[in-house]
């Protein structure tokens, strides 16, 4: 099992080794696997925002 690092992970652009990038990838994938996926089909907009309504074509689109 992969444990979380004690401090923040910082990778300077162009300075990380292949092993460091592989370790970071493994940690990120482990975290992604633990988070529950959002329910399918759920709209992320707040309930106060009305759904987008389809409207007919403008005169220049006809």
Protein backbone atom coordinates (compact mmCIF):
# COMPACT_ATOMS: atom_id res chain seq x y z
CA UNK A 1 0.00 0.00 0.00
CA UNK A 2 1.22 3.46 -0.85
CA UNK A 3 1.25 5.94 2.00
CA UNK A 4 0.87 9.66 1.64
CA UNK A 5 4.04 11.71 1.85
CA UNK A 6 4.52 13.79 4.98
CA UNK A 7 4.94 17.06 3.09
CA UNK A 8 3.92 18.54 -0.24
CA UNK A 9 5.31 17.04 -3.42
CA UNK A 10 7.01 19.56 -5.65
CA UNK A 11 8.35 18.75 -9.09
CA UNK A 12 10.29 21.47 -10.86
CA UNK A 13 9.68 21.41 -14.59
CA UNK A 14 12.42 19.47 -16.32
CA UNK A 15 14.13 18.45 -13.07
CA UNK A 16 12.31 15.24 -12.09
CA UNK A 17 13.82 11.85 -12.80
CA UNK A 18 11.86 9.03 -14.37
CA UNK A 19 11.71 7.26 -11.00
CA UNK A 20 10.34 10.36 -9.27
CA UNK A 21 7.66 10.81 -11.92
CA UNK A 22 6.73 7.12 -11.69
CA UNK A 23 6.39 7.40 -7.90
CA UNK A 24 4.26 10.53 -8.21
CA UNK A 25 2.06 8.81 -10.79
CA UNK A 26 1.58 5.82 -8.48
CA UNK A 27 0.59 8.09 -5.58
CA UNK A 28 -1.88 10.06 -7.70
CA UNK A 29 -3.46 6.88 -9.08
CA UNK A 30 -3.79 5.48 -5.56
CA UNK A 31 -5.59 8.65 -4.43
CA UNK A 32 -7.83 8.59 -7.51
CA UNK A 33 -8.80 5.00 -6.74
CA UNK A 34 -9.89 5.88 -3.20
CA UNK A 35 -12.17 8.77 -4.10
CA UNK A 36 -15.74 7.83 -4.95
CA UNK A 37 -16.80 8.61 -8.48
CA UNK A 38 -19.51 11.26 -8.88
CA UNK A 39 -22.95 9.85 -9.67
CA UNK A 40 -23.49 9.35 -13.39
CA UNK A 41 -25.66 11.92 -15.08
CA UNK A 42 -25.63 14.38 -12.20
CA UNK A 43 -25.37 18.00 -13.21
CA UNK A 44 -22.66 19.88 -11.31
CA UNK A 45 -24.51 23.21 -11.47
CA UNK A 46 -26.25 24.44 -8.32
CA UNK A 47 -29.97 23.75 -8.09
CA UNK A 48 -30.72 27.48 -8.25
CA UNK A 49 -29.44 27.64 -11.84
CA UNK A 50 -32.17 26.60 -14.28
CA UNK A 51 -31.29 23.97 -16.88
CA UNK A 52 -30.20 25.19 -20.28
CA UNK A 53 -33.18 25.41 -22.58
CA UNK A 54 -32.88 24.74 -26.29
CA UNK A 55 -34.02 27.62 -28.39
CA UNK A 56 -34.70 27.80 -32.11
CA UNK A 57 -32.21 28.92 -34.69
CA UNK A 58 -31.57 32.59 -35.21
CA UNK A 59 -32.58 34.19 -38.50
CA UNK A 60 -29.02 34.07 -39.81
CA UNK A 61 -28.79 30.32 -39.03
CA UNK A 62 -31.85 29.33 -41.06
